[in-house]
Every structure is written in structure tokens, then in C-alpha cells.
Amino acid sequence: MGQAISLHRAFGAAVMAACVPVLCAGASASALPTPAQLAALAFPGWSDSAAGRVHSATLPPLPGTAHGIYAGWNTGKNRVLVEPKLVLRTDASHLTLIAGLVPAADDGHSIAVHATPMALAAYQFEQRGGTWGVSGRQGIFALRGFSGAAAVREVALAARRSAVAVEYGSCWQGYCGTWLAVYEAGRDMVRREPAVELALSGINVDSAADCQRRLAPLVKPHAQDPGARDDGGASDTHDCYAIEGSWTIDATHDQPGDLTVHYQGAISRAESYAGPPAAIDQRQVLRYGNGKYRAISGFSPVPAI
């Protein structure tokens, strides 16, 4: 399942009283405001409490939203729970706050279900005269994740170019997957179009009763999910697989470096179900150009889920 990320500590009341509507830069010029401190500026009244996290946000028309496929979200104004995620320093005098938003009921409780993604929203800040103030409210730029959760972190694309990496995953009917999306960040906005989106892992060991046996000994057996299906289908009607990927970006140059994904695991093809599984240990390399990463060598062995 997608990983939920704990909230950062709330903005101190004494600092708020002294510095609203801008945030004091602090004694150390190198110290950045925390995500919670910036959230209190982007969302007046925000605090790390049940009531303080409830605010409103506008969902713009994004790909897929017109068809209502994102449970809990409506195009236009939504009541949300606000979770500050991370702060990006885009240059010497500008910051961007990345917040995660989840649809909320009138009483402030999350209404996320399995098909509800987390909304990723960006808010820009500028430092003037030793203080930080809001300079832009980009708002929601993407919907990603399941059950209102996704793991969010900063990643360097190049020596002076950063991005937001989002990893998320879930399981249903014995099929599990994780995915990656990377959004390039500039001083004034985060790009809505991801630089890359791809499947990192695919595992269906619990999708059929014979998959654990077919993937042994390359995949360690585990207590099978009680919900694993056994529909009586013959072994030659389905693949069995357990493939996981890890990724890195070579950020040592002025321009975005190559993205390398390392896939490992095993697969038992339907047509060769009676034989031993095939080991997977391969790499795919993607290169940046015109705002997008595209494969230049290798391929992803993760089956479509």
C-alpha cells in the first residue's frame, strides 16, 4: 500500500505572532523554514491538530478528473486535510512547499477510499529583507496514490535542478504494484506533466494458488493472503511473477542526468509453467530531453496490472 508520511512539527505560536504575514528567516541564513512553518503561511490557521489541518483547495481540470475516476475528488472547491510534505529551495531567495491534500468530510475526517489519490499541491515563497512570504499559490498540480497516501521526496535531476519524486502502490485481488512519478520543479511552479511515470514493481504471488510453488526457489514462500484467488484456472492460463525495481538519477551534471531502474525478481510464464522460473536481473536506462525521460536501453519487465 502507499506509505503515509508523518506530519512535521507545527509552527511555534511565538514566531507566528512576531512574523505574520511573513516568516522570519531566523538567526542562521542557511536554515530553511520547516514544511509546517510554511504551511501556516500558505493556509492561514493551519496547525498540526485535527481542526488545524482542515482547509479548502481547488482541484483544477487535470487529466482524468472530468470522468470522475478519482473517488472523493470533485473539480472545483474541495474540503481537504492538509499535510505539509517537503520544502524545495529553488534558488537563493525562493522556496516551494509541497503539500499532500486528502478529501475530508464536513467534520474533518478523511473520506479517502482505496481509489482516492492524494493531491499534490505547490506553494511558492520569496525571501525579502530577512523574511519569507508567500509569492505564489500554484495549488494542486497532480493526483497520485491510493487511499489518500503516497511517499513524497525531493530528488536532484542535475546539479541545480530539483524535482518531486512520488512513489505509491497498492494491492487488489492478489495483484500488487508500485509506481513512480517525477515532477520537475522551477522557481515559480512545479510542472503538471511528469518527467517520467513508470511501474517499479509487480507481484502477483497471491493471485493464484499455484504461484508460490511455481516461483520457488527464487521467491521465498510466505503465508498466503486469505483473499488469494483459486478460480480453478489451469496453470498454463496465467503468468506468476515477483519483480521489484530500484532507481537512481545521475545528478552530477548541469543538465538532468540519466535515470537508471534496476529490476530484480522472477517470473514463471504460462507457456513454461512446468519448468523452473526465470530469474530477472536487468536495467533500463532513460535519458532526459525536452522535459521527458525516454528509454534509451533496456526495458521494463514488470507486467501490466
Protein backbone atom coordinates (compact mmCIF):
# COMPACT_ATOMS: atom_id res chain seq x y z
CA MET A 1 0.00 0.00 0.00
CA GLY A 2 1.10 3.60 -0.41
CA GLN A 3 3.06 4.89 2.51
CA ALA A 4 1.62 7.64 4.66
CA ILE A 5 4.15 10.27 5.82
CA SER A 6 4.05 11.73 9.32
CA LEU A 7 3.42 15.44 9.76
CA HIS A 8 6.26 17.80 10.61
CA ARG A 9 6.07 19.76 13.87
CA ALA A 10 3.73 22.75 13.93
CA PHE A 11 4.80 26.36 13.64
CA GLY A 12 5.53 27.94 17.05
CA ALA A 13 2.92 30.43 18.23
CA ALA A 14 5.52 32.94 19.36
CA VAL A 15 7.15 33.07 15.91
CA MET A 16 3.75 33.39 14.24
CA ALA A 17 2.83 36.32 16.44
CA ALA A 18 6.04 38.13 15.58
CA CYS A 19 6.24 37.42 11.86
CA VAL A 20 2.82 37.01 10.24
CA PRO A 21 2.15 37.54 7.31
CA VAL A 22 5.78 36.64 6.56
CA LEU A 23 8.11 34.19 8.26
CA CYS A 24 11.28 35.40 9.98
CA ALA A 25 14.34 33.91 8.27
CA GLY A 26 15.97 33.09 11.62
CA ALA A 27 19.45 33.57 13.01
CA SER A 28 21.07 31.20 10.52
CA ALA A 29 20.84 32.26 6.89
CA SER A 30 21.26 28.63 5.81
CA ALA A 31 18.43 27.28 7.93
CA LEU A 32 15.24 26.79 5.90
CA PRO A 33 11.74 27.09 7.32
CA THR A 34 10.15 23.71 8.00
CA PRO A 35 7.23 22.42 5.92
CA ALA A 36 4.94 23.06 8.90
CA GLN A 37 6.08 26.66 9.21
CA LEU A 38 5.41 27.35 5.55
CA ALA A 39 2.04 25.54 5.71
CA ALA A 40 0.93 28.05 8.34
CA LEU A 41 1.56 30.82 5.79
CA ALA A 42 0.06 29.09 2.77
CA PHE A 43 -3.01 28.04 4.79
CA PRO A 44 -3.72 30.72 7.43
CA GLY A 45 -4.74 29.00 10.64
CA TRP A 46 -3.03 25.71 9.77
CA SER A 47 -1.68 23.74 12.73
CA ASP A 48 -0.74 20.15 13.42
CA SER A 49 -4.07 19.31 15.00
CA ALA A 50 -7.31 17.67 13.92
CA ALA A 51 -9.05 21.02 13.41
CA GLY A 52 -5.98 22.90 12.16
CA ARG A 53 -5.40 20.55 9.23
CA VAL A 54 -8.86 21.15 7.69
CA HIS A 55 -8.89 23.73 4.87
CA SER A 56 -10.22 24.14 1.33
CA ALA A 57 -8.44 23.75 -2.01
CA THR A 58 -9.47 23.97 -5.65
CA LEU A 59 -8.93 20.99 -7.92
CA PRO A 60 -8.29 22.26 -11.46
CA PRO A 61 -9.22 20.19 -14.52
CA LEU A 62 -6.50 17.54 -14.64
CA PRO A 63 -6.28 14.51 -16.95
CA GLY A 64 -8.97 12.02 -15.85
CA THR A 65 -10.82 14.31 -13.45
CA ALA A 66 -13.51 15.14 -16.00
CA HIS A 67 -14.54 11.47 -15.97
CA GLY A 68 -14.90 11.27 -12.19
CA ILE A 69 -12.49 8.36 -11.79
CA TYR A 70 -10.78 9.78 -8.69
CA ALA A 71 -13.01 8.83 -5.75
CA GLY A 72 -13.61 11.63 -3.27
CA TRP A 73 -12.42 14.46 -5.53
CA ASN A 74 -14.52 16.97 -7.44
CA THR A 75 -13.29 19.54 -9.94
CA GLY A 76 -13.53 22.88 -8.17
CA LYS A 77 -13.52 23.59 -4.46
CA ASN A 78 -12.91 20.68 -2.05
CA ARG A 79 -12.65 20.42 1.73
CA VAL A 80 -9.28 18.84 2.46
CA LEU A 81 -6.84 17.70 5.11
CA VAL A 82 -3.51 19.46 4.56
CA GLU A 83 -0.24 17.62 5.25
CA PRO A 84 2.98 19.57 4.57
CA LYS A 85 5.45 17.22 2.91
CA LEU A 86 8.71 18.94 1.99
CA VAL A 87 10.42 22.22 1.16
CA LEU A 88 12.38 22.72 -2.07
CA ARG A 89 14.95 25.51 -2.36
CA THR A 90 14.66 26.54 -6.00
CA ASP A 91 17.24 29.35 -5.75
CA ALA A 92 18.89 31.54 -3.12
CA SER A 93 15.74 33.54 -2.39
CA HIS A 94 12.88 31.20 -3.35
CA LEU A 95 11.29 28.14 -1.75
CA THR A 96 8.46 25.83 -2.76
CA LEU A 97 6.30 23.97 -0.26
CA ILE A 98 4.90 20.62 -1.42
CA ALA A 99 1.73 19.66 0.44
CA GLY A 100 -0.34 16.50 0.32
CA LEU A 101 -4.12 17.01 0.35
CA VAL A 102 -6.80 14.40 1.09
CA PRO A 103 -10.58 14.91 0.69
CA ALA A 104 -12.33 15.48 4.03
CA ALA A 105 -15.89 15.41 5.31
CA ASP A 106 -17.53 18.41 6.98
CA ASP A 107 -16.44 17.07 10.38
CA GLY A 108 -12.79 16.99 9.27
CA HIS A 109 -12.41 13.24 8.87
CA SER A 110 -10.77 11.79 5.78
CA ILE A 111 -13.19 10.35 3.23
CA ALA A 112 -10.44 8.58 1.28
CA VAL A 113 -11.22 5.10 -0.02
CA HIS A 114 -8.94 2.74 -1.93
CA ALA A 115 -9.43 4.58 -5.24
CA THR A 116 -8.76 8.03 -3.72
CA PRO A 117 -5.40 9.55 -4.71
CA MET A 118 -3.54 12.15 -2.72
CA ALA A 119 -3.46 15.60 -4.33
CA LEU A 120 -0.01 17.16 -4.64
CA ALA A 121 -0.04 20.94 -4.28
CA ALA A 122 2.72 23.56 -4.54
CA TYR A 123 3.05 26.97 -2.87
CA GLN A 124 5.89 29.39 -3.62
CA PHE A 125 7.74 31.68 -1.18
CA GLU A 126 10.22 34.52 -1.59
CA GLN A 127 12.72 35.93 0.90
CA ARG A 128 12.84 39.70 1.23
CA GLY A 129 14.63 41.65 3.90
CA GLY A 130 15.27 38.59 6.03
CA THR A 131 11.69 37.29 5.96
CA TRP A 132 9.82 34.67 3.93
CA GLY A 133 6.44 35.46 2.42
CA VAL A 134 4.02 33.78 0.02
CA SER A 135 4.82 34.72 -3.60
CA GLY A 136 2.66 32.23 -5.49
CA ARG A 137 -0.16 29.73 -4.94
CA GLN A 138 0.10 27.17 -7.70
CA GLY A 139 -2.12 24.75 -5.78
CA ILE A 140 -2.88 21.22 -6.96
CA PHE A 141 -0.70 20.01 -9.82
CA ALA A 142 -1.21 16.21 -9.69
CA LEU A 143 -3.23 13.36 -8.21
CA ARG A 144 -1.27 10.26 -7.21
CA GLY A 145 -1.56 7.33 -4.84
CA PHE A 146 -4.18 5.13 -3.26
CA SER A 147 -6.22 5.53 -0.08
CA GLY A 148 -5.09 9.17 0.02
CA ALA A 149 -1.44 8.22 0.54
CA ALA A 150 1.85 8.41 -1.36
CA ALA A 151 5.52 8.78 -0.44
CA VAL A 152 6.94 12.14 -1.49
CA ARG A 153 10.57 13.28 -1.51
CA GLU A 154 12.92 15.67 -3.27
CA VAL A 155 15.26 14.29 -5.91
CA ALA A 156 18.05 16.07 -7.78
CA LEU A 157 17.90 15.86 -11.57
CA ALA A 158 21.09 17.89 -12.03
CA ALA A 159 23.49 20.00 -10.01
CA ARG A 160 20.98 22.86 -9.80
CA ARG A 161 17.68 21.29 -10.86
CA SER A 162 15.36 19.53 -8.44
CA ALA A 163 12.17 17.56 -8.72
CA VAL A 164 9.45 15.94 -6.65
CA ALA A 165 9.52 12.13 -6.68
CA VAL A 166 6.27 10.36 -5.80
CA GLU A 167 6.11 6.62 -5.11
CA TYR A 168 2.85 4.86 -4.40
CA GLY A 169 1.38 1.38 -4.51
CA SER A 170 -1.45 -0.94 -3.61
CA CYS A 171 -2.80 -4.48 -3.87
CA TRP A 172 -6.08 -5.90 -5.07
CA GLN A 173 -7.20 -9.48 -5.73
CA GLY A 174 -3.67 -10.75 -5.12
CA TYR A 175 -2.02 -8.32 -7.55
CA CYS A 176 0.36 -5.71 -6.06
CA GLY A 177 2.20 -2.89 -7.75
CA THR A 178 4.21 0.24 -7.04
CA TRP A 179 4.69 3.20 -9.34
CA LEU A 180 6.95 6.24 -9.67
CA ALA A 181 6.19 9.72 -11.00
CA VAL A 182 8.73 12.57 -11.07
CA TYR A 183 7.73 16.25 -11.42
CA GLU A 184 10.34 18.88 -12.27
CA ALA A 185 10.30 21.96 -10.02
CA GLY A 186 11.13 25.51 -11.09
CA ARG A 187 11.17 28.75 -9.16
CA ASP A 188 7.58 29.68 -9.96
CA MET A 189 5.86 26.32 -10.46
CA VAL A 190 6.06 22.54 -10.49
CA ARG A 191 5.36 21.09 -13.92
CA ARG A 192 2.00 19.31 -14.13
CA GLU A 193 3.30 16.90 -16.76
CA PRO A 194 5.61 14.35 -15.10
CA ALA A 195 9.12 13.99 -16.47
CA VAL A 196 8.64 10.25 -16.06
CA GLU A 197 5.99 7.83 -14.83
CA LEU A 198 6.64 4.10 -14.70
CA ALA A 199 5.90 0.87 -12.86
CA LEU A 200 8.54 -0.01 -10.28
CA SER A 201 7.23 -3.38 -9.16
CA GLY A 202 4.65 -6.02 -9.91
CA ILE A 203 3.87 -9.03 -7.72
CA ASN A 204 1.01 -11.50 -8.19
CA VAL A 205 2.13 -14.35 -5.93
CA ASP A 206 -1.22 -14.27 -4.13
CA SER A 207 -3.34 -14.05 -7.27
CA ALA A 208 -3.47 -17.81 -7.86
CA ALA A 209 -2.92 -20.83 -5.63
CA ASP A 210 -0.06 -22.23 -7.74
CA CYS A 211 2.14 -19.11 -7.94
CA GLN A 212 4.20 -19.68 -4.80
CA ARG A 213 5.10 -23.17 -5.98
CA ARG A 214 5.94 -22.02 -9.50
CA LEU A 215 8.24 -19.19 -8.33
CA ALA A 216 10.18 -21.31 -5.81
CA PRO A 217 13.05 -21.34 -5.04
CA LEU A 218 13.76 -17.87 -6.47
CA VAL A 219 10.99 -16.25 -4.42
CA LYS A 220 10.79 -17.02 -0.72
CA PRO A 221 7.40 -18.52 0.28
CA HIS A 222 5.19 -16.60 2.70
CA ALA A 223 1.88 -17.05 4.43
CA GLN A 224 -0.58 -16.70 1.60
CA ASP A 225 -3.14 -13.92 1.66
CA PRO A 226 -6.53 -15.43 2.68
CA GLY A 227 -8.02 -13.46 -0.19
CA ALA A 228 -5.85 -15.18 -2.79
CA ARG A 229 -7.94 -16.42 -5.66
CA ASP A 230 -8.19 -20.05 -6.67
CA ASP A 231 -10.66 -19.98 -9.54
CA GLY A 232 -9.66 -23.39 -10.80
CA GLY A 233 -7.88 -21.97 -13.84
CA ALA A 234 -5.15 -24.16 -15.30
CA SER A 235 -1.52 -23.15 -14.70
CA ASP A 236 -0.99 -22.55 -18.41
CA THR A 237 -3.54 -19.72 -18.38
CA HIS A 238 -1.60 -17.21 -16.27
CA ASP A 239 1.89 -15.88 -15.54
CA CYS A 240 3.27 -15.75 -11.99
CA TYR A 241 5.80 -13.05 -11.11
CA ALA A 242 7.50 -11.11 -8.33
CA ILE A 243 9.54 -8.20 -9.71
CA GLU A 244 10.83 -5.19 -7.80
CA GLY A 245 12.72 -2.15 -9.05
CA SER A 246 15.03 0.45 -7.55
CA TRP A 247 16.09 3.66 -9.28
CA THR A 248 18.75 6.35 -9.31
CA ILE A 249 19.37 9.58 -11.25
CA ASP A 250 22.87 10.73 -12.16
CA ALA A 251 22.64 14.35 -10.97
CA THR A 252 26.32 15.22 -11.32
CA HIS A 253 25.98 17.43 -14.41
CA ASP A 254 24.37 20.76 -15.29
CA GLN A 255 21.64 19.04 -17.32
CA PRO A 256 19.38 16.28 -15.96
CA GLY A 257 21.27 13.00 -15.83
CA ASP A 258 20.20 9.52 -16.85
CA LEU A 259 17.58 7.66 -14.84
CA THR A 260 18.51 4.00 -14.25
CA VAL A 261 16.00 1.43 -12.99
CA HIS A 262 17.31 -1.90 -11.70
CA TYR A 263 14.72 -4.70 -11.81
CA GLN A 264 15.15 -7.96 -9.89
CA GLY A 265 12.91 -10.94 -9.24
CA ALA A 266 11.46 -13.93 -11.02
CA ILE A 267 8.73 -14.86 -13.48
CA SER A 268 7.05 -18.10 -14.50
CA ARG A 269 5.43 -17.77 -17.89
CA ALA A 270 2.15 -19.53 -18.60
CA GLU A 271 3.64 -21.43 -21.52
CA SER A 272 6.52 -22.78 -19.39
CA TYR A 273 4.70 -23.23 -16.08
CA ALA A 274 6.04 -26.76 -15.55
CA GLY A 275 9.69 -25.67 -15.67
CA PRO A 276 11.77 -23.59 -13.25
CA PRO A 277 11.07 -19.84 -13.05
CA ALA A 278 13.27 -17.38 -14.93
CA ALA A 279 15.41 -15.06 -12.84
CA ILE A 280 15.22 -11.34 -13.61
CA ASP A 281 18.20 -9.04 -13.09
CA GLN A 282 18.17 -6.26 -15.65
CA ARG A 283 18.44 -2.50 -16.05
CA GLN A 284 16.58 0.08 -18.05
CA VAL A 285 18.19 3.47 -18.75
CA LEU A 286 16.12 6.56 -19.57
CA ARG A 287 17.54 9.87 -20.85
CA TYR A 288 16.13 13.36 -20.36
CA GLY A 289 15.15 15.52 -23.32
CA ASN A 290 12.54 18.25 -23.84
CA GLY A 291 11.14 17.79 -20.35
CA LYS A 292 10.74 14.00 -20.56
CA TYR A 293 12.71 10.86 -19.71
CA ARG A 294 12.66 8.29 -22.51
CA ALA A 295 14.20 4.82 -22.61
CA ILE A 296 17.47 4.51 -24.49
CA SER A 297 18.40 0.97 -23.43
CA GLY A 298 16.76 -1.99 -21.75
CA PHE A 299 13.07 -2.40 -20.99
CA SER A 300 10.75 -2.83 -18.02
CA PRO A 301 9.93 -6.48 -17.25
CA VAL A 302 7.00 -5.51 -14.97
CA PRO A 303 3.75 -6.87 -16.46
CA ALA A 304 0.81 -4.50 -16.80
CA ILE A 305 -1.56 -4.82 -13.87
